[in-house]
Amino acid sequence: TLVDRIVTGYPRNEAAAICEELGYKDNLIDTGEIFGFWVIEGPQSIKKELPVEEAGLPILICDDHKPYKQRKVRILNGAHTGFVLGAYLAGQNIVRDCMHDEVIKGFMNKMLYDEVIPTLTLDKNDLLNFAKAVSDRFNNPFVDHELMSISLNSTSKWKARVMPSFLGYIDEHHALPKCITTSFAFYIQFYRGYELTDAGLVAKRPAGNTYTISDDRDILEFYYNHKDDSVKDLVHAVCTNTSFWGQDLTQIAGFEDAVVQTLTEIEEKGTYEVMKECL
């Protein structure tokens, strides 16, 4: 099965008012978007036991759930992982505010429509409609989806959510996808911390405030051990770390040089200007 719904957790700021309205204290309140989609892989006979279509529920019973999983992971989750690290370094804190910024939203859409969707197998109109719904969902006025929450375990997320589109684009076009390559540079820049603590790797935003990177301990130790590297040495170390990616990314023609160049530009101009140049 596959469930697609953004759920952001306990609504701390509203809980007291909600409980007062209910007339009792409920510690299990949760915040989730109205959108919901449930895919069940199995025989069509399930519909006799669960008449979900007749009930008008957003539930699909199909022979193969994989294309729908691919659509969700690579468009919805891939969009998150592709832009949030760069957006956070540019000063944003929640997803909705990013959707009100034409540069950040434009970067996300260019990545999705030009680089991700062409690598997917479902019907093109289905993919385009889903991508449009993603923008609407990210703009939900009632869901404060924090970028730092999405940043958790970004190394494995980039591999699972973004890398398949990256490799698929290269196979099809024999060229590097500009926005996805840029998102990899955002990922490295985000992980450039300077102090390793029990809570994670501490790094500093361009604005001056600090943040704590959360990931597997060996990943945090890797970045801490390379904190004094030059841009070129750091990119080489990250790209050749096969335990992260399952392969040596320096073997992809032009990728290492492109990431070095982009990371250098990020240091000079910041992630926002680099996003703008992708448009």
C-alpha atoms as a PDB file:
ATOM      1  CA  THR A   1       0.000   0.000   0.000  1.00  0.00           C
ATOM      2  CA  LEU A   2       0.945   3.653  -0.366  1.00  0.00           C
ATOM      3  CA  VAL A   3      -0.417   6.599   1.585  1.00  0.00           C
ATOM      4  CA  ASP A   4       0.180  10.147   0.358  1.00  0.00           C
ATOM      5  CA  ARG A   5      -0.664  12.865   2.878  1.00  0.00           C
ATOM      6  CA  ILE A   6       1.401  15.587   4.530  1.00  0.00           C
ATOM      7  CA  VAL A   7       1.029  15.326   8.322  1.00  0.00           C
ATOM      8  CA  THR A   8       2.969  17.842  10.400  1.00  0.00           C
ATOM      9  CA  GLY A   9       2.264  16.689  13.953  1.00  0.00           C
ATOM     10  CA  TYR A  10       0.820  18.084  17.164  1.00  0.00           C
ATOM     11  CA  PRO A  11      -0.526  21.651  16.714  1.00  0.00           C
ATOM     12  CA  ARG A  12       1.104  23.174  19.805  1.00  0.00           C
ATOM     13  CA  ASN A  13      -0.046  26.722  19.151  1.00  0.00           C
ATOM     14  CA  GLU A  14      -3.692  25.738  18.648  1.00  0.00           C
ATOM     15  CA  ALA A  15      -4.047  22.729  20.953  1.00  0.00           C
ATOM     16  CA  ALA A  16      -5.418  24.614  23.962  1.00  0.00           C
ATOM     17  CA  ALA A  17      -8.180  26.258  21.920  1.00  0.00           C
ATOM     18  CA  ILE A  18      -9.056  22.974  20.204  1.00  0.00           C
ATOM     19  CA  CYS A  19      -9.264  21.107  23.514  1.00  0.00           C
ATOM     20  CA  GLU A  20     -11.438  23.849  24.990  1.00  0.00           C
ATOM     21  CA  GLU A  21     -13.808  23.523  22.040  1.00  0.00           C
ATOM     22  CA  LEU A  22     -13.862  19.733  22.435  1.00  0.00           C
ATOM     23  CA  GLY A  23     -14.475  19.968  26.159  1.00  0.00           C
ATOM     24  CA  TYR A  24     -11.667  17.560  27.048  1.00  0.00           C
ATOM     25  CA  LYS A  25      -7.883  17.314  26.764  1.00  0.00           C
ATOM     26  CA  ASP A  26      -6.704  15.327  23.745  1.00  0.00           C
ATOM     27  CA  ASN A  27      -2.960  14.655  23.499  1.00  0.00           C
ATOM     28  CA  LEU A  28      -3.398  12.821  20.187  1.00  0.00           C
ATOM     29  CA  ILE A  29      -4.484  15.804  18.070  1.00  0.00           C
ATOM     30  CA  ASP A  30      -2.631  15.843  14.777  1.00  0.00           C
ATOM     31  CA  THR A  31      -2.408  18.292  11.881  1.00  0.00           C
ATOM     32  CA  GLY A  32      -2.792  16.934   8.370  1.00  0.00           C
ATOM     33  CA  GLU A  33      -3.745  18.375   5.015  1.00  0.00           C
ATOM     34  CA  ILE A  34      -7.189  17.802   3.506  1.00  0.00           C
ATOM     35  CA  PHE A  35      -5.552  16.055   0.531  1.00  0.00           C
ATOM     36  CA  GLY A  36      -5.247  12.297   0.888  1.00  0.00           C
ATOM     37  CA  PHE A  37      -4.547   9.408  -1.489  1.00  0.00           C
ATOM     38  CA  TRP A  38      -4.344   5.709  -0.624  1.00  0.00           C
ATOM     39  CA  VAL A  39      -3.141   3.124  -3.147  1.00  0.00           C
ATOM     40  CA  ILE A  40      -3.828  -0.546  -2.494  1.00  0.00           C
ATOM     41  CA  GLU A  41      -2.100  -3.144  -4.649  1.00  0.00           C
ATOM     42  CA  GLY A  42      -4.214  -6.268  -5.051  1.00  0.00           C
ATOM     43  CA  PRO A  43      -6.975  -7.994  -7.019  1.00  0.00           C
ATOM     44  CA  GLN A  44      -9.989  -5.997  -8.171  1.00  0.00           C
ATOM     45  CA  SER A  45     -12.138  -8.326  -6.062  1.00  0.00           C
ATOM     46  CA  ILE A  46     -11.090  -6.185  -3.065  1.00  0.00           C
ATOM     47  CA  LYS A  47     -13.637  -3.631  -4.302  1.00  0.00           C
ATOM     48  CA  LYS A  48     -16.431  -6.032  -3.346  1.00  0.00           C
ATOM     49  CA  GLU A  49     -15.194  -6.090   0.239  1.00  0.00           C
ATOM     50  CA  LEU A  50     -14.228  -2.412   0.315  1.00  0.00           C
ATOM     51  CA  PRO A  51     -16.563  -0.417  -1.972  1.00  0.00           C
ATOM     52  CA  VAL A  52     -14.315   2.645  -1.816  1.00  0.00           C
ATOM     53  CA  GLU A  53     -15.151   3.912  -5.295  1.00  0.00           C
ATOM     54  CA  GLU A  54     -18.878   3.900  -4.544  1.00  0.00           C
ATOM     55  CA  ALA A  55     -18.146   5.829  -1.354  1.00  0.00           C
ATOM     56  CA  GLY A  56     -16.207   8.448  -3.343  1.00  0.00           C
ATOM     57  CA  LEU A  57     -13.056   7.968  -1.317  1.00  0.00           C
ATOM     58  CA  PRO A  58      -9.582   8.876  -2.685  1.00  0.00           C
ATOM     59  CA  ILE A  59      -8.517   5.230  -2.701  1.00  0.00           C
ATOM     60  CA  LEU A  60      -7.198   3.367  -5.743  1.00  0.00           C
ATOM     61  CA  ILE A  61      -7.096  -0.426  -5.992  1.00  0.00           C
ATOM     62  CA  CYS A  62      -4.618  -1.454  -8.673  1.00  0.00           C
ATOM     63  CA  ASP A  63      -2.413  -4.305  -9.879  1.00  0.00           C
ATOM     64  CA  ASP A  64       0.847  -2.407  -9.325  1.00  0.00           C
ATOM     65  CA  HIS A  65       1.400   0.388  -6.796  1.00  0.00           C
ATOM     66  CA  LYS A  66       4.977   1.114  -7.909  1.00  0.00           C
ATOM     67  CA  PRO A  67       4.237   3.848 -10.508  1.00  0.00           C
ATOM     68  CA  TYR A  68       2.212   5.723  -7.878  1.00  0.00           C
ATOM     69  CA  LYS A  69       4.959   5.325  -5.303  1.00  0.00           C
ATOM     70  CA  GLN A  70       7.432   6.607  -7.886  1.00  0.00           C
ATOM     71  CA  ARG A  71       5.181   9.583  -8.639  1.00  0.00           C
ATOM     72  CA  LYS A  72       4.841  10.490  -4.953  1.00  0.00           C
ATOM     73  CA  VAL A  73       8.483   9.974  -3.989  1.00  0.00           C
ATOM     74  CA  ARG A  74      10.013  11.722  -6.979  1.00  0.00           C
ATOM     75  CA  ILE A  75       7.575  14.625  -7.397  1.00  0.00           C
ATOM     76  CA  LEU A  76       6.282  15.422  -3.896  1.00  0.00           C
ATOM     77  CA  ASN A  77       9.196  14.219  -1.767  1.00  0.00           C
ATOM     78  CA  GLY A  78      11.737  14.988  -4.482  1.00  0.00           C
ATOM     79  CA  ALA A  79      10.508  18.588  -4.618  1.00  0.00           C
ATOM     80  CA  HIS A  80      10.945  18.904  -0.854  1.00  0.00           C
ATOM     81  CA  THR A  81      14.479  17.538  -0.824  1.00  0.00           C
ATOM     82  CA  GLY A  82      15.415  19.396  -3.997  1.00  0.00           C
ATOM     83  CA  PHE A  83      14.669  22.926  -2.825  1.00  0.00           C
ATOM     84  CA  VAL A  84      14.303  23.119   0.981  1.00  0.00           C
ATOM     85  CA  LEU A  85      17.998  23.111   1.904  1.00  0.00           C
ATOM     86  CA  GLY A  86      18.753  25.940  -0.486  1.00  0.00           C
ATOM     87  CA  ALA A  87      15.627  27.791   0.610  1.00  0.00           C
ATOM     88  CA  TYR A  88      16.564  27.471   4.279  1.00  0.00           C
ATOM     89  CA  LEU A  89      20.020  28.907   3.622  1.00  0.00           C
ATOM     90  CA  ALA A  90      18.269  31.724   1.741  1.00  0.00           C
ATOM     91  CA  GLY A  91      16.388  32.647   4.911  1.00  0.00           C
ATOM     92  CA  GLN A  92      13.079  30.784   4.616  1.00  0.00           C
ATOM     93  CA  ASN A  93      11.673  28.629   7.443  1.00  0.00           C
ATOM     94  CA  ILE A  94       8.437  27.010   6.252  1.00  0.00           C
ATOM     95  CA  VAL A  95       7.295  25.520   2.946  1.00  0.00           C
ATOM     96  CA  ARG A  96       4.291  27.819   2.471  1.00  0.00           C
ATOM     97  CA  ASP A  97       6.454  30.952   2.524  1.00  0.00           C
ATOM     98  CA  CYS A  98       8.674  29.394  -0.146  1.00  0.00           C
ATOM     99  CA  MET A  99       5.629  29.082  -2.408  1.00  0.00           C
ATOM    100  CA  HIS A 100       5.104  32.850  -2.097  1.00  0.00           C
ATOM    101  CA  ASP A 101       8.601  33.518  -3.430  1.00  0.00           C
ATOM    102  CA  GLU A 102       8.681  33.460  -7.222  1.00  0.00           C
ATOM    103  CA  VAL A 103      12.361  32.496  -7.400  1.00  0.00           C
ATOM    104  CA  ILE A 104      12.153  29.536  -5.019  1.00  0.00           C
ATOM    105  CA  LYS A 105       8.841  28.328  -6.425  1.00  0.00           C
ATOM    106  CA  GLY A 106      10.187  28.832  -9.944  1.00  0.00           C
ATOM    107  CA  PHE A 107      13.260  26.750  -9.135  1.00  0.00           C
ATOM    108  CA  MET A 108      11.083  23.953  -7.749  1.00  0.00           C
ATOM    109  CA  ASN A 109       8.750  23.981 -10.758  1.00  0.00           C
ATOM    110  CA  LYS A 110      11.584  24.039 -13.284  1.00  0.00           C
ATOM    111  CA  MET A 111      13.142  21.035 -11.542  1.00  0.00           C
ATOM    112  CA  LEU A 112       9.831  19.149 -11.479  1.00  0.00           C
ATOM    113  CA  TYR A 113       8.512  19.938 -14.961  1.00  0.00           C
ATOM    114  CA  ASP A 114      11.791  19.949 -16.910  1.00  0.00           C
ATOM    115  CA  GLU A 115      13.905  17.366 -15.071  1.00  0.00           C
ATOM    116  CA  VAL A 116      11.762  15.017 -12.959  1.00  0.00           C
ATOM    117  CA  ILE A 117       8.461  14.434 -14.784  1.00  0.00           C
ATOM    118  CA  PRO A 118      10.125  13.509 -18.123  1.00  0.00           C
ATOM    119  CA  THR A 119      11.795  10.532 -16.366  1.00  0.00           C
ATOM    120  CA  LEU A 120       8.541   9.049 -15.008  1.00  0.00           C
ATOM    121  CA  THR A 121       6.343   6.353 -16.566  1.00  0.00           C
ATOM    122  CA  LEU A 122       2.749   7.271 -15.649  1.00  0.00           C
ATOM    123  CA  ASP A 123       0.456   9.120 -18.062  1.00  0.00           C
ATOM    124  CA  LYS A 124       1.816  12.620 -18.719  1.00  0.00           C
ATOM    125  CA  ASN A 125      -1.434  14.394 -17.828  1.00  0.00           C
ATOM    126  CA  ASP A 126      -1.643  12.441 -14.581  1.00  0.00           C
ATOM    127  CA  LEU A 127       1.892  13.541 -13.680  1.00  0.00           C
ATOM    128  CA  LEU A 128       1.235  17.182 -14.587  1.00  0.00           C
ATOM    129  CA  ASN A 129      -1.965  17.262 -12.534  1.00  0.00           C
ATOM    130  CA  PHE A 130      -0.163  15.706  -9.576  1.00  0.00           C
ATOM    131  CA  ALA A 131       2.648  18.262  -9.828  1.00  0.00           C
ATOM    132  CA  LYS A 132       0.106  21.093  -9.916  1.00  0.00           C
ATOM    133  CA  ALA A 133      -1.563  19.652  -6.819  1.00  0.00           C
ATOM    134  CA  VAL A 134       1.835  19.586  -5.081  1.00  0.00           C
ATOM    135  CA  SER A 135       2.180  23.362  -5.452  1.00  0.00           C
ATOM    136  CA  ASP A 136      -1.306  23.839  -3.998  1.00  0.00           C
ATOM    137  CA  ARG A 137      -0.538  21.466  -1.119  1.00  0.00           C
ATOM    138  CA  PHE A 138       2.724  23.220  -0.302  1.00  0.00           C
ATOM    139  CA  ASN A 139       0.788  26.495  -0.172  1.00  0.00           C
ATOM    140  CA  ASN A 140      -1.700  25.191   2.430  1.00  0.00           C
ATOM    141  CA  PRO A 141      -2.407  28.139   4.796  1.00  0.00           C
ATOM    142  CA  PHE A 142      -3.059  25.811   7.743  1.00  0.00           C
ATOM    143  CA  VAL A 143       0.068  23.659   7.584  1.00  0.00           C
ATOM    144  CA  ASP A 144       3.334  25.160   8.869  1.00  0.00           C
ATOM    145  CA  HIS A 145       5.730  22.594   7.425  1.00  0.00           C
ATOM    146  CA  GLU A 146       9.166  23.526   8.723  1.00  0.00           C
ATOM    147  CA  LEU A 147      12.124  23.239   6.364  1.00  0.00           C
ATOM    148  CA  MET A 148      14.332  21.976   9.188  1.00  0.00           C
ATOM    149  CA  SER A 149      11.883  19.142   9.775  1.00  0.00           C
ATOM    150  CA  ILE A 150      12.144  18.136   6.117  1.00  0.00           C
ATOM    151  CA  SER A 151      15.957  18.401   6.291  1.00  0.00           C
ATOM    152  CA  LEU A 152      16.187  15.403   8.648  1.00  0.00           C
ATOM    153  CA  ASN A 153      18.361  12.655   7.075  1.00  0.00           C
ATOM    154  CA  SER A 154      18.796  14.564   3.828  1.00  0.00           C
ATOM    155  CA  THR A 155      21.623  12.308   2.641  1.00  0.00           C
ATOM    156  CA  SER A 156      19.469   9.198   2.339  1.00  0.00           C
ATOM    157  CA  LYS A 157      16.547  11.338   1.165  1.00  0.00           C
ATOM    158  CA  TRP A 158      18.564  12.794  -1.721  1.00  0.00           C
ATOM    159  CA  LYS A 159      19.613   9.294  -2.747  1.00  0.00           C
ATOM    160  CA  ALA A 160      16.065   7.886  -2.596  1.00  0.00           C
ATOM    161  CA  ARG A 161      14.034  10.867  -3.779  1.00  0.00           C
ATOM    162  CA  VAL A 162      16.213  12.844  -6.180  1.00  0.00           C
ATOM    163  CA  MET A 163      18.982  10.596  -7.461  1.00  0.00           C
ATOM    164  CA  PRO A 164      16.692   8.325  -9.562  1.00  0.00           C
ATOM    165  CA  SER A 165      15.416  11.390 -11.474  1.00  0.00           C
ATOM    166  CA  PHE A 166      18.998  12.647 -11.777  1.00  0.00           C
ATOM    167  CA  LEU A 167      20.236   9.381 -13.285  1.00  0.00           C
ATOM    168  CA  GLY A 168      17.117   8.976 -15.433  1.00  0.00           C
ATOM    169  CA  TYR A 169      17.561  12.449 -16.906  1.00  0.00           C
ATOM    170  CA  ILE A 170      21.195  11.724 -17.773  1.00  0.00           C
ATOM    171  CA  ASP A 171      20.266   8.421 -19.413  1.00  0.00           C
ATOM    172  CA  GLU A 172      17.639  10.138 -21.539  1.00  0.00           C
ATOM    173  CA  HIS A 173      19.316  13.457 -22.377  1.00  0.00           C
ATOM    174  CA  HIS A 174      23.042  12.660 -22.014  1.00  0.00           C
ATOM    175  CA  ALA A 175      23.436  15.914 -20.101  1.00  0.00           C
ATOM    176  CA  LEU A 176      23.317  17.068 -16.483  1.00  0.00           C
ATOM    177  CA  PRO A 177      19.984  18.357 -15.153  1.00  0.00           C
ATOM    178  CA  LYS A 178      20.774  21.913 -14.057  1.00  0.00           C
ATOM    179  CA  CYS A 179      18.367  22.244 -11.114  1.00  0.00           C
ATOM    180  CA  ILE A 180      18.982  18.778  -9.680  1.00  0.00           C
ATOM    181  CA  THR A 181      22.746  19.286  -9.919  1.00  0.00           C
ATOM    182  CA  THR A 182      22.274  22.613  -8.130  1.00  0.00           C
ATOM    183  CA  SER A 183      20.212  20.897  -5.420  1.00  0.00           C
ATOM    184  CA  PHE A 184      23.171  18.589  -4.751  1.00  0.00           C
ATOM    185  CA  ALA A 185      25.356  21.649  -4.181  1.00  0.00           C
ATOM    186  CA  PHE A 186      22.684  23.033  -1.813  1.00  0.00           C
ATOM    187  CA  TYR A 187      22.827  19.751   0.087  1.00  0.00           C
ATOM    188  CA  ILE A 188      26.609  19.970   0.532  1.00  0.00           C
ATOM    189  CA  GLN A 189      26.470  23.618   1.577  1.00  0.00           C
ATOM    190  CA  PHE A 190      23.750  22.871   4.136  1.00  0.00           C
ATOM    191  CA  TYR A 191      25.950  20.134   5.690  1.00  0.00           C
ATOM    192  CA  ARG A 192      29.017  22.348   6.101  1.00  0.00           C
ATOM    193  CA  GLY A 193      28.986  22.399   9.897  1.00  0.00           C
ATOM    194  CA  TYR A 194      31.716  23.396  12.318  1.00  0.00           C
ATOM    195  CA  GLU A 195      30.852  21.766  15.674  1.00  0.00           C
ATOM    196  CA  LEU A 196      29.807  18.184  16.364  1.00  0.00           C
ATOM    197  CA  THR A 197      27.558  17.750  19.417  1.00  0.00           C
ATOM    198  CA  ASP A 198      25.362  15.007  20.845  1.00  0.00           C
ATOM    199  CA  ALA A 199      22.396  16.695  19.165  1.00  0.00           C
ATOM    200  CA  GLY A 200      24.013  16.839  15.720  1.00  0.00           C
ATOM    201  CA  LEU A 201      26.324  18.921  13.552  1.00  0.00           C
ATOM    202  CA  VAL A 202      26.053  22.656  14.191  1.00  0.00           C
ATOM    203  CA  ALA A 203      26.245  24.958  11.161  1.00  0.00           C
ATOM    204  CA  LYS A 204      25.603  28.637  10.535  1.00  0.00           C
ATOM    205  CA  ARG A 205      23.234  30.334   8.122  1.00  0.00           C
ATOM    206  CA  PRO A 206      24.435  33.316   6.082  1.00  0.00           C
ATOM    207  CA  ALA A 207      22.207  35.511   8.277  1.00  0.00           C
ATOM    208  CA  GLY A 208      24.330  34.480  11.266  1.00  0.00           C
ATOM    209  CA  ASN A 209      22.027  32.219  13.267  1.00  0.00           C
ATOM    210  CA  THR A 210      22.983  28.579  13.832  1.00  0.00           C
ATOM    211  CA  TYR A 211      21.099  25.372  13.061  1.00  0.00           C
ATOM    212  CA  THR A 212      21.706  21.718  13.893  1.00  0.00           C
ATOM    213  CA  ILE A 213      21.933  19.124  11.139  1.00  0.00           C
ATOM    214  CA  SER A 214      20.319  15.764  11.976  1.00  0.00           C
ATOM    215  CA  ASP A 215      21.495  12.645  10.160  1.00  0.00           C
ATOM    216  CA  ASP A 216      23.191   9.310  10.835  1.00  0.00           C
ATOM    217  CA  ARG A 217      26.210   9.770  13.098  1.00  0.00           C
ATOM    218  CA  ASP A 218      28.736   8.490  10.548  1.00  0.00           C
ATOM    219  CA  ILE A 219      27.460  11.046   8.017  1.00  0.00           C
ATOM    220  CA  LEU A 220      27.753  13.912  10.489  1.00  0.00           C
ATOM    221  CA  GLU A 221      31.255  12.751  11.447  1.00  0.00           C
ATOM    222  CA  PHE A 222      32.216  12.659   7.762  1.00  0.00           C
ATOM    223  CA  TYR A 223      31.206  16.280   7.244  1.00  0.00           C
ATOM    224  CA  TYR A 224      32.820  17.362  10.493  1.00  0.00           C
ATOM    225  CA  ASN A 225      36.092  15.688   9.462  1.00  0.00           C
ATOM    226  CA  HIS A 226      35.966  17.593   6.160  1.00  0.00           C
ATOM    227  CA  LYS A 227      34.943  20.955   7.648  1.00  0.00           C
ATOM    228  CA  ASP A 228      38.259  22.585   6.717  1.00  0.00           C
ATOM    229  CA  ASP A 229      38.354  21.243   3.142  1.00  0.00           C
ATOM    230  CA  SER A 230      38.458  23.503   0.126  1.00  0.00           C
ATOM    231  CA  VAL A 231      35.339  23.456  -2.043  1.00  0.00           C
ATOM    232  CA  LYS A 232      37.079  21.222  -4.577  1.00  0.00           C
ATOM    233  CA  ASP A 233      38.312  18.726  -1.966  1.00  0.00           C
ATOM    234  CA  LEU A 234      34.957  18.623  -0.178  1.00  0.00           C
ATOM    235  CA  VAL A 235      33.000  17.984  -3.369  1.00  0.00           C
ATOM    236  CA  HIS A 236      35.409  15.220  -4.351  1.00  0.00           C
ATOM    237  CA  ALA A 237      35.120  13.592  -0.924  1.00  0.00           C
ATOM    238  CA  VAL A 238      31.301  13.707  -1.016  1.00  0.00           C
ATOM    239  CA  CYS A 239      30.998  12.471  -4.603  1.00  0.00           C
ATOM    240  CA  THR A 240      33.390   9.549  -4.056  1.00  0.00           C
ATOM    241  CA  ASN A 241      31.714   8.414  -0.829  1.00  0.00           C
ATOM    242  CA  THR A 242      30.050   5.291  -2.198  1.00  0.00           C
ATOM    243  CA  SER A 243      28.510   4.489   1.195  1.00  0.00           C
ATOM    244  CA  PHE A 244      26.309   7.577   0.690  1.00  0.00           C
ATOM    245  CA  TRP A 245      25.270   7.066  -2.932  1.00  0.00           C
ATOM    246  CA  GLY A 246      25.939   3.438  -3.804  1.00  0.00           C
ATOM    247  CA  GLN A 247      28.269   4.574  -6.580  1.00  0.00           C
ATOM    248  CA  ASP A 248      31.109   6.982  -7.325  1.00  0.00           C
ATOM    249  CA  LEU A 249      29.440  10.145  -8.638  1.00  0.00           C
ATOM    250  CA  THR A 250      32.729  11.435 -10.069  1.00  0.00           C
ATOM    251  CA  GLN A 251      32.248   8.842 -12.822  1.00  0.00           C
ATOM    252  CA  ILE A 252      29.305  10.861 -14.168  1.00  0.00           C
ATOM    253  CA  ALA A 253      30.767  13.095 -16.849  1.00  0.00           C
ATOM    254  CA  GLY A 254      31.020  16.735 -15.781  1.00  0.00           C
ATOM    255  CA  PHE A 255      29.135  16.326 -12.513  1.00  0.00           C
ATOM    256  CA  GLU A 256      31.986  16.923 -10.068  1.00  0.00           C
ATOM    257  CA  ASP A 257      33.156  20.060 -11.901  1.00  0.00           C
ATOM    258  CA  ALA A 258      29.584  21.382 -12.114  1.00  0.00           C
ATOM    259  CA  VAL A 259      29.048  20.923  -8.360  1.00  0.00           C
ATOM    260  CA  VAL A 260      32.386  22.604  -7.579  1.00  0.00           C
ATOM    261  CA  GLN A 261      31.426  25.569  -9.738  1.00  0.00           C
ATOM    262  CA  THR A 262      27.939  25.825  -8.209  1.00  0.00           C
ATOM    263  CA  LEU A 263      29.221  25.506  -4.640  1.00  0.00           C
ATOM    264  CA  THR A 264      31.772  28.233  -5.346  1.00  0.00           C
ATOM    265  CA  GLU A 265      28.978  30.467  -6.633  1.00  0.00           C
ATOM    266  CA  ILE A 266      26.923  29.714  -3.513  1.00  0.00           C
ATOM    267  CA  GLU A 267      29.800  30.892  -1.347  1.00  0.00           C
ATOM    268  CA  GLU A 268      30.083  34.080  -3.381  1.00  0.00           C
ATOM    269  CA  LYS A 269      26.409  34.940  -3.993  1.00  0.00           C
ATOM    270  CA  GLY A 270      24.263  32.728  -1.749  1.00  0.00           C
ATOM    271  CA  THR A 271      21.728  30.056  -2.634  1.00  0.00           C
ATOM    272  CA  TYR A 272      18.978  32.510  -3.612  1.00  0.00           C
ATOM    273  CA  GLU A 273      21.006  34.091  -6.424  1.00  0.00           C
ATOM    274  CA  VAL A 274      22.087  30.651  -7.614  1.00  0.00           C
ATOM    275  CA  MET A 275      18.425  29.576  -7.766  1.00  0.00           C
ATOM    276  CA  LYS A 276      17.615  32.706  -9.732  1.00  0.00           C
ATOM    277  CA  GLU A 277      20.312  31.914 -12.280  1.00  0.00           C
ATOM    278  CA  CYS A 278      18.737  28.487 -12.883  1.00  0.00           C
ATOM    279  CA  LEU A 279      15.518  30.066 -14.129  1.00  0.00           C
END
